[in-house]
Amino acid sequence: MPGWTREDIPDQSGRVAVVTGANSGLGYVTARELARRGARVVLACRSEVRGNAAAGELAGEVPGADVAVGRLDLGDLGSVREFAERFPHGRLDLLVNNAGVMALPYGTTADGFETQFGVNHLGHFALTGRLLPLLLATPGARVVTVSSEMHALANVDLDDLSGERRYRRWIAYARSKSANLLFTHELARRLTAHGADVVAAAAHPGYAATNLQGTAPRMEGRRLVGRAMEIGNRVFAQPARTGALPVLYAATAPGVRPDSFTGPSFLMWRGGPAPSWRAPWTLNDAMGERLWAASERLTGVTYDRLKA
């Protein structure tokens, strides 16, 4: 792992990958590097316009890239169902659950869930479940879910998943990122228990410069906060091309272990891929089972092939 770069990505020829939120930032870089190594990549994006623009840009950077765009709104379970039903390939080697929102003002998804929990966790839980038959049928498949070092701020509150009692945007974000890790933990446990040839792992980019940080300030017209975020990205953050390396490592490197968590090597902030610290609550079996049960109930997506 020391010194691992994009040049170490193994040949991906013949493999099919889905990357959510692939029109910009980490998702775009991840999709581009997978395509550069020969994968057929589906850019799963909420906006088809932005997705098509990203596909055009990617094709310019990687001539001959095999990319397609699929509309996917993780804040709408109907859109998740439609994406899975329309998926045109007979195999799925890699699902990268990358898309997300951060520190938004309180709001709800199309299905009435608090936005950050609904998009960052429930949308990906439903997507993974609906694509599970393809993943199980593809030898050596992987599910990589992108969390954050910010997960350490808060555990999931199973008694207030909607955030209605007291909504604090950064705590809500941290809870959604802890949910990503608990989901990975429980998914990996169930896959192993059923002898499935699918690896569930997690990764995070550290502090990477993307448009994620500026979304909430733009929504609320908080120009000074938005400006501060821009300066922070410019001065302190590593570029998206580096932030994506832990994700690419978890997605492609040989020997990645189930339920592993990969992040930047220097203080979980920047640098090449390395094993990352995670909060103890993200490895709690009982919490994982309870979150799983709640997620199945809320989304209506049941992992029948992986019943505990």
Protein backbone atom coordinates (compact mmCIF):
# COMPACT_ATOMS: atom_id res chain seq x y z
CA MET A 1 0.00 0.00 0.00
CA PRO A 2 2.78 2.59 0.67
CA GLY A 3 3.25 4.77 -2.39
CA TRP A 4 0.20 3.30 -4.15
CA THR A 5 -0.89 5.47 -7.10
CA ARG A 6 -3.31 5.27 -9.98
CA GLU A 7 -0.59 3.55 -11.98
CA ASP A 8 -1.01 0.55 -9.66
CA ILE A 9 -4.66 0.03 -10.59
CA PRO A 10 -4.88 -3.46 -12.13
CA ASP A 11 -6.29 -3.97 -15.61
CA GLN A 12 -10.07 -3.59 -15.48
CA SER A 13 -10.86 -4.90 -18.96
CA GLY A 14 -14.12 -6.84 -19.07
CA ARG A 15 -15.32 -5.43 -15.75
CA VAL A 16 -18.48 -3.35 -15.26
CA ALA A 17 -18.55 -0.59 -12.65
CA VAL A 18 -21.21 1.77 -11.33
CA VAL A 19 -20.06 4.98 -9.66
CA THR A 20 -22.70 7.15 -8.02
CA GLY A 21 -22.22 10.90 -8.14
CA ALA A 22 -19.74 10.50 -10.98
CA ASN A 23 -20.34 13.84 -12.67
CA SER A 24 -17.83 15.71 -10.48
CA GLY A 25 -15.23 15.51 -7.73
CA LEU A 26 -14.19 12.16 -6.32
CA GLY A 27 -16.80 10.27 -8.30
CA TYR A 28 -15.59 11.70 -11.59
CA VAL A 29 -11.95 10.91 -10.84
CA THR A 30 -12.87 7.39 -9.74
CA ALA A 31 -14.89 6.78 -12.89
CA ARG A 32 -12.16 8.24 -15.10
CA GLU A 33 -9.39 6.09 -13.66
CA LEU A 34 -11.49 2.92 -13.84
CA ALA A 35 -12.26 3.70 -17.48
CA ARG A 36 -8.59 4.46 -18.14
CA ARG A 37 -7.79 0.91 -17.05
CA GLY A 38 -10.43 -0.60 -19.34
CA ALA A 39 -13.59 -0.88 -17.23
CA ARG A 40 -17.03 -0.25 -18.64
CA VAL A 41 -18.28 2.50 -16.32
CA VAL A 42 -21.81 3.69 -15.65
CA LEU A 43 -21.93 7.26 -14.37
CA ALA A 44 -24.92 7.21 -12.01
CA CYS A 45 -25.96 10.86 -11.69
CA ARG A 46 -28.97 12.76 -10.45
CA SER A 47 -28.78 15.15 -13.40
CA GLU A 48 -28.53 13.57 -16.84
CA VAL A 49 -27.37 16.90 -18.24
CA ARG A 50 -24.41 17.05 -15.86
CA GLY A 51 -23.82 13.34 -16.29
CA ASN A 52 -23.63 13.67 -20.08
CA ALA A 53 -21.30 16.65 -19.76
CA ALA A 54 -19.04 14.60 -17.49
CA ALA A 55 -19.12 11.67 -19.91
CA GLY A 56 -18.05 13.99 -22.71
CA GLU A 57 -15.22 15.41 -20.62
CA LEU A 58 -14.11 11.92 -19.61
CA ALA A 59 -14.09 10.74 -23.21
CA GLY A 60 -11.82 13.67 -24.05
CA GLU A 61 -9.40 12.70 -21.27
CA VAL A 62 -9.53 8.97 -21.97
CA PRO A 63 -10.02 8.36 -25.70
CA GLY A 64 -11.96 5.17 -26.30
CA ALA A 65 -13.38 5.10 -22.77
CA ASP A 66 -16.44 2.88 -22.41
CA VAL A 67 -18.81 5.04 -20.37
CA ALA A 68 -22.55 5.48 -20.14
CA VAL A 69 -24.83 7.69 -18.06
CA GLY A 70 -27.68 6.42 -15.90
CA ARG A 71 -30.09 8.73 -14.10
CA LEU A 72 -30.06 8.04 -10.37
CA ASP A 73 -31.55 10.27 -7.67
CA LEU A 74 -30.60 8.73 -4.32
CA GLY A 75 -33.12 10.97 -2.63
CA ASP A 76 -35.97 9.22 -4.45
CA LEU A 77 -36.44 5.49 -3.90
CA GLY A 78 -38.51 5.31 -7.07
CA SER A 79 -35.50 6.56 -9.04
CA VAL A 80 -33.29 3.96 -7.34
CA ARG A 81 -35.71 1.20 -8.32
CA GLU A 82 -35.88 2.44 -11.92
CA PHE A 83 -32.10 2.64 -12.21
CA ALA A 84 -31.73 -0.97 -11.07
CA GLU A 85 -34.56 -2.19 -13.30
CA ARG A 86 -33.07 -0.48 -16.36
CA PHE A 87 -29.51 -1.60 -15.68
CA PRO A 88 -28.51 -3.07 -19.04
CA HIS A 89 -25.55 -5.28 -18.12
CA GLY A 90 -25.60 -8.92 -17.12
CA ARG A 91 -22.84 -8.49 -14.57
CA LEU A 92 -21.67 -5.96 -12.01
CA ASP A 93 -18.09 -6.17 -10.78
CA LEU A 94 -17.93 -2.97 -8.81
CA LEU A 95 -20.43 -0.68 -7.13
CA VAL A 96 -18.93 2.53 -5.73
CA ASN A 97 -21.40 4.23 -3.40
CA ASN A 98 -19.81 7.66 -3.63
CA ALA A 99 -22.52 10.30 -4.01
CA GLY A 100 -23.51 12.34 -1.02
CA VAL A 101 -24.55 15.65 0.48
CA MET A 102 -22.94 17.47 3.39
CA ALA A 103 -24.14 19.78 6.18
CA LEU A 104 -27.34 20.84 4.45
CA PRO A 105 -30.10 22.79 6.19
CA TYR A 106 -32.89 20.53 7.39
CA GLY A 107 -34.91 19.06 4.57
CA THR A 108 -36.46 15.80 3.47
CA THR A 109 -36.13 13.48 0.50
CA ALA A 110 -38.94 12.58 -1.88
CA ASP A 111 -39.84 9.78 0.53
CA GLY A 112 -39.83 11.95 3.65
CA PHE A 113 -36.44 11.04 5.12
CA GLU A 114 -34.01 13.62 6.53
CA THR A 115 -31.96 14.52 3.49
CA GLN A 116 -28.45 13.60 4.61
CA PHE A 117 -29.47 10.26 6.10
CA GLY A 118 -31.81 9.59 3.19
CA VAL A 119 -29.29 10.31 0.43
CA ASN A 120 -26.01 9.26 2.01
CA HIS A 121 -27.23 6.04 3.62
CA LEU A 122 -30.75 4.93 2.70
CA GLY A 123 -30.36 5.65 -1.01
CA HIS A 124 -27.18 3.59 -1.20
CA PHE A 125 -28.65 0.85 1.01
CA ALA A 126 -31.57 0.54 -1.42
CA LEU A 127 -29.34 0.69 -4.50
CA THR A 128 -26.98 -1.99 -3.21
CA GLY A 129 -29.90 -4.22 -2.29
CA ARG A 130 -31.53 -3.90 -5.69
CA LEU A 131 -28.25 -4.63 -7.49
CA LEU A 132 -27.29 -7.44 -5.11
CA PRO A 133 -28.36 -10.32 -7.42
CA LEU A 134 -25.95 -9.06 -10.09
CA LEU A 135 -23.16 -8.58 -7.57
CA LEU A 136 -23.62 -12.09 -6.18
CA ALA A 137 -23.57 -13.53 -9.68
CA THR A 138 -20.29 -11.81 -10.61
CA PRO A 139 -17.10 -13.49 -9.37
CA GLY A 140 -14.91 -11.18 -7.31
CA ALA A 141 -17.43 -8.33 -7.14
CA ARG A 142 -16.97 -5.46 -4.68
CA VAL A 143 -19.11 -2.83 -2.99
CA VAL A 144 -17.13 0.22 -1.88
CA THR A 145 -19.00 2.79 0.20
CA VAL A 146 -17.48 6.22 0.71
CA SER A 147 -17.62 7.48 4.30
CA SER A 148 -15.72 10.34 5.94
CA GLU A 149 -13.33 10.97 8.82
CA MET A 150 -16.14 13.21 10.09
CA HIS A 151 -18.06 10.08 11.07
CA ALA A 152 -16.15 10.28 14.37
CA LEU A 153 -18.33 13.21 15.49
CA ALA A 154 -21.44 11.10 16.12
CA ASN A 155 -22.92 7.64 16.12
CA VAL A 156 -26.22 6.84 14.44
CA ASP A 157 -29.22 7.73 16.61
CA LEU A 158 -31.55 4.81 16.00
CA ASP A 159 -34.28 6.53 18.00
CA ASP A 160 -34.22 9.65 15.85
CA LEU A 161 -33.18 8.68 12.33
CA SER A 162 -35.24 11.54 10.93
CA GLY A 163 -33.34 14.14 12.98
CA GLU A 164 -36.60 15.71 14.10
CA ARG A 165 -35.79 16.09 17.80
CA ARG A 166 -32.81 18.36 17.33
CA TYR A 167 -31.29 18.90 13.92
CA ARG A 168 -27.66 19.94 13.78
CA ARG A 169 -26.34 19.80 10.25
CA TRP A 170 -22.80 18.59 11.00
CA ILE A 171 -23.98 16.00 13.50
CA ALA A 172 -26.53 14.78 10.96
CA TYR A 173 -23.75 14.49 8.39
CA ALA A 174 -21.56 12.56 10.84
CA ARG A 175 -24.44 10.20 11.66
CA SER A 176 -24.97 9.48 7.97
CA LYS A 177 -21.27 8.71 7.54
CA SER A 178 -21.30 6.43 10.59
CA ALA A 179 -24.29 4.74 8.95
CA ASN A 180 -22.15 4.16 5.83
CA LEU A 181 -19.58 2.32 7.96
CA LEU A 182 -22.17 0.35 9.94
CA PHE A 183 -23.79 -0.66 6.66
CA THR A 184 -20.43 -1.85 5.33
CA HIS A 185 -19.78 -3.76 8.56
CA GLU A 186 -23.12 -5.56 8.51
CA LEU A 187 -23.04 -6.18 4.75
CA ALA A 188 -19.56 -7.69 5.02
CA ARG A 189 -20.68 -9.86 7.94
CA ARG A 190 -23.70 -11.17 6.05
CA LEU A 191 -21.78 -11.79 2.84
CA THR A 192 -19.14 -13.76 4.74
CA ALA A 193 -21.76 -15.76 6.65
CA HIS A 194 -23.38 -16.78 3.36
CA GLY A 195 -20.07 -17.65 1.68
CA ALA A 196 -20.64 -14.99 -0.97
CA ASP A 197 -17.81 -13.99 -3.29
CA VAL A 198 -18.42 -10.27 -2.81
CA VAL A 199 -16.20 -7.93 -0.79
CA ALA A 200 -17.83 -5.01 1.02
CA ALA A 201 -15.31 -2.32 2.00
CA ALA A 202 -15.28 1.37 2.82
CA ALA A 203 -13.00 4.30 2.09
CA HIS A 204 -12.76 8.02 2.68
CA PRO A 205 -10.87 10.83 0.92
CA GLY A 206 -9.66 12.82 3.93
CA TYR A 207 -9.94 16.53 3.23
CA ALA A 208 -10.32 16.70 -0.54
CA ALA A 209 -11.28 19.74 -2.57
CA THR A 210 -14.66 19.07 -4.21
CA ASN A 211 -17.88 21.00 -4.73
CA LEU A 212 -19.40 19.18 -1.74
CA GLN A 213 -18.21 21.79 0.76
CA GLY A 214 -19.79 24.72 -1.04
CA THR A 215 -23.25 23.29 -1.73
CA ALA A 216 -24.96 24.27 1.53
CA PRO A 217 -23.57 27.85 1.60
CA ARG A 218 -24.75 28.34 -2.00
CA MET A 219 -28.22 27.01 -1.15
CA GLU A 220 -28.57 29.43 1.74
CA GLY A 221 -26.84 32.42 0.17
CA ARG A 222 -24.14 32.42 2.85
CA ARG A 223 -21.45 34.01 0.75
CA LEU A 224 -18.87 34.49 3.52
CA VAL A 225 -19.13 30.85 4.56
CA GLY A 226 -18.88 29.79 0.95
CA ARG A 227 -15.81 31.95 0.50
CA ALA A 228 -14.21 30.43 3.60
CA MET A 229 -14.86 26.96 2.21
CA GLU A 230 -13.23 27.93 -1.07
CA ILE A 231 -10.14 29.23 0.72
CA GLY A 232 -9.97 26.09 2.87
CA ASN A 233 -10.13 23.92 -0.23
CA ARG A 234 -7.39 25.93 -1.89
CA VAL A 235 -5.03 26.12 1.08
CA PHE A 236 -5.54 22.94 3.11
CA ALA A 237 -7.28 20.31 0.99
CA GLN A 238 -5.69 17.81 -1.31
CA PRO A 239 -6.98 17.69 -4.89
CA ALA A 240 -9.77 15.32 -5.86
CA ARG A 241 -7.34 13.22 -7.91
CA THR A 242 -5.47 12.40 -4.68
CA GLY A 243 -8.56 12.14 -2.50
CA ALA A 244 -9.93 9.47 -4.83
CA LEU A 245 -6.93 7.18 -4.35
CA PRO A 246 -8.24 5.45 -1.18
CA VAL A 247 -11.52 4.75 -3.02
CA LEU A 248 -9.69 3.39 -6.05
CA TYR A 249 -7.49 1.26 -3.82
CA ALA A 250 -10.48 -0.25 -2.02
CA ALA A 251 -12.15 -0.81 -5.40
CA THR A 252 -9.30 -2.44 -7.29
CA ALA A 253 -6.26 -3.46 -5.22
CA PRO A 254 -5.71 -7.19 -4.73
CA GLY A 255 -6.35 -8.56 -1.26
CA VAL A 256 -8.66 -5.84 0.05
CA ARG A 257 -10.31 -7.32 3.12
CA PRO A 258 -14.04 -7.26 3.87
CA ASP A 259 -15.05 -4.40 6.17
CA SER A 260 -11.70 -2.66 5.71
CA PHE A 261 -11.58 1.14 5.86
CA THR A 262 -9.04 2.90 3.67
CA GLY A 263 -8.15 6.57 3.88
CA PRO A 264 -5.24 8.99 3.44
CA SER A 265 -2.01 8.04 5.20
CA PHE A 266 -1.30 11.35 6.98
CA LEU A 267 -3.62 11.94 9.96
CA MET A 268 -6.59 10.66 7.93
CA TRP A 269 -6.34 13.99 6.09
CA ARG A 270 -4.10 13.71 3.04
CA GLY A 271 -1.68 11.41 1.29
CA GLY A 272 -1.81 8.01 -0.33
CA PRO A 273 -4.03 5.09 0.72
CA ALA A 274 -3.54 3.49 4.13
CA PRO A 275 -5.65 1.62 6.69
CA SER A 276 -7.77 4.20 8.50
CA TRP A 277 -8.94 4.47 12.10
CA ARG A 278 -12.68 4.19 12.64
CA ALA A 279 -14.90 4.80 15.64
CA PRO A 280 -15.64 1.66 17.68
CA TRP A 281 -19.38 2.06 17.23
CA THR A 282 -19.00 1.39 13.49
CA LEU A 283 -17.90 -2.16 14.34
CA ASN A 284 -20.77 -2.90 16.71
CA ASP A 285 -22.69 -5.98 15.53
CA ALA A 286 -25.86 -5.13 17.45
CA MET A 287 -25.93 -1.59 16.06
CA GLY A 288 -25.30 -2.89 12.59
CA GLU A 289 -28.20 -5.33 12.82
CA ARG A 290 -30.57 -2.68 14.17
CA LEU A 291 -29.62 -0.16 11.48
CA TRP A 292 -30.03 -2.87 8.83
CA ALA A 293 -33.52 -3.77 10.08
CA ALA A 294 -34.54 -0.10 10.17
CA SER A 295 -33.14 0.48 6.68
CA GLU A 296 -35.08 -2.46 5.24
CA ARG A 297 -38.25 -1.22 6.90
CA LEU A 298 -37.82 2.37 5.72
CA THR A 299 -36.81 1.60 2.13
CA GLY A 300 -38.85 -1.53 1.55
CA VAL A 301 -35.73 -3.15 0.08
CA THR A 302 -35.02 -6.51 1.69
CA TYR A 303 -31.81 -8.44 1.16
CA ASP A 304 -33.57 -11.81 0.90
CA ARG A 305 -30.39 -13.57 -0.26
CA LEU A 306 -28.55 -12.44 2.88
CA LYS A 307 -31.06 -13.08 5.63
CA ALA A 308 -29.36 -13.23 9.02
